[in-house]
Amino acid sequence: MNISAKITGIKYNVNCTDDLTEVSFKDFNINSTPSCFLLSDKQYNYGISKWVSPKRTRSYPFERVYNSLNVP
């Protein structure tokens, strides 16, 4: 049996987010960036969320991912 689907029409509004710290691609160092930030080069912006603790602690990055959803 092969089941496939296409999900369309999902719209969301991001509420209660913090402004992201902007880091230029030229100065990018993953060890010194905040846990959620805006990585920018000359043409594009990328919302980045990183895992900040060992995976065994189960501190999932849901809030950081949510904060980066509204990056254009």
Protein backbone atom coordinates (compact mmCIF):
# COMPACT_ATOMS: atom_id res chain seq x y z
CA MET A 1 0.00 0.00 0.00
CA ASN A 2 1.34 3.43 -0.93
CA ILE A 3 -0.24 6.44 0.74
CA SER A 4 0.76 9.92 -0.33
CA ALA A 5 -0.65 13.37 0.36
CA LYS A 6 -0.01 17.01 -0.35
CA ILE A 7 -0.65 19.52 2.41
CA THR A 8 -1.54 23.00 1.18
CA GLY A 9 -2.97 26.21 2.54
CA ILE A 10 -1.18 26.28 5.88
CA LYS A 11 -0.91 29.83 7.21
CA TYR A 12 0.48 30.93 10.54
CA ASN A 13 1.12 34.11 12.47
CA VAL A 14 4.15 34.19 14.72
CA ASN A 15 3.40 35.88 18.06
CA CYS A 16 5.50 36.69 21.12
CA THR A 17 8.90 36.37 19.48
CA ASP A 18 12.10 38.18 20.34
CA ASP A 19 14.12 40.15 17.81
CA LEU A 20 16.91 37.96 16.50
CA THR A 21 20.54 39.00 16.80
CA GLU A 22 21.98 39.54 13.32
CA VAL A 23 25.30 37.84 12.54
CA SER A 24 27.04 38.45 9.23
CA PHE A 25 28.19 35.44 7.25
CA LYS A 26 31.67 36.94 7.10
CA ASP A 27 31.96 36.99 10.93
CA PHE A 28 30.13 33.70 11.54
CA ASN A 29 31.48 31.43 14.30
CA ILE A 30 29.02 28.80 15.56
CA ASN A 31 30.68 28.71 18.99
CA SER A 32 30.16 32.41 19.72
CA THR A 33 26.66 32.90 18.28
CA PRO A 34 23.49 32.96 20.38
CA SER A 35 21.19 29.93 20.40
CA CYS A 36 18.82 31.56 17.90
CA PHE A 37 20.04 34.21 15.46
CA LEU A 38 19.73 35.72 12.01
CA LEU A 39 22.58 34.80 9.66
CA SER A 40 22.85 37.30 6.82
CA ASP A 41 24.94 37.53 3.71
CA LYS A 42 24.74 40.14 0.95
CA GLN A 43 21.55 38.74 -0.57
CA TYR A 44 19.74 36.44 1.89
CA ASN A 45 18.82 36.13 5.58
CA TYR A 46 18.61 32.76 7.33
CA GLY A 47 16.92 32.08 10.67
CA ILE A 48 19.21 29.69 12.56
CA SER A 49 18.43 27.74 15.74
CA LYS A 50 21.09 25.55 17.29
CA TRP A 51 21.03 22.84 19.92
CA VAL A 52 22.85 24.23 22.95
CA SER A 53 23.10 21.29 25.33
CA PRO A 54 23.91 17.59 25.16
CA LYS A 55 21.05 15.60 23.66
CA ARG A 56 20.70 13.46 26.75
CA THR A 57 19.29 16.45 28.67
CA ARG A 58 16.23 16.57 26.42
CA SER A 59 16.18 20.35 26.27
CA TYR A 60 14.49 20.51 22.89
CA PRO A 61 14.92 23.73 20.86
CA PHE A 62 11.21 24.30 20.17
CA GLU A 63 11.20 27.91 21.41
CA ARG A 64 14.30 28.78 19.40
CA VAL A 65 12.84 27.23 16.25
CA TYR A 66 9.55 29.09 16.81
CA ASN A 67 11.44 32.38 17.17
CA SER A 68 13.10 31.87 13.79
CA LEU A 69 9.88 31.06 11.86
CA ASN A 70 9.13 34.64 10.84
CA VAL A 71 12.42 35.25 9.01
CA PRO A 72 11.56 36.41 5.48
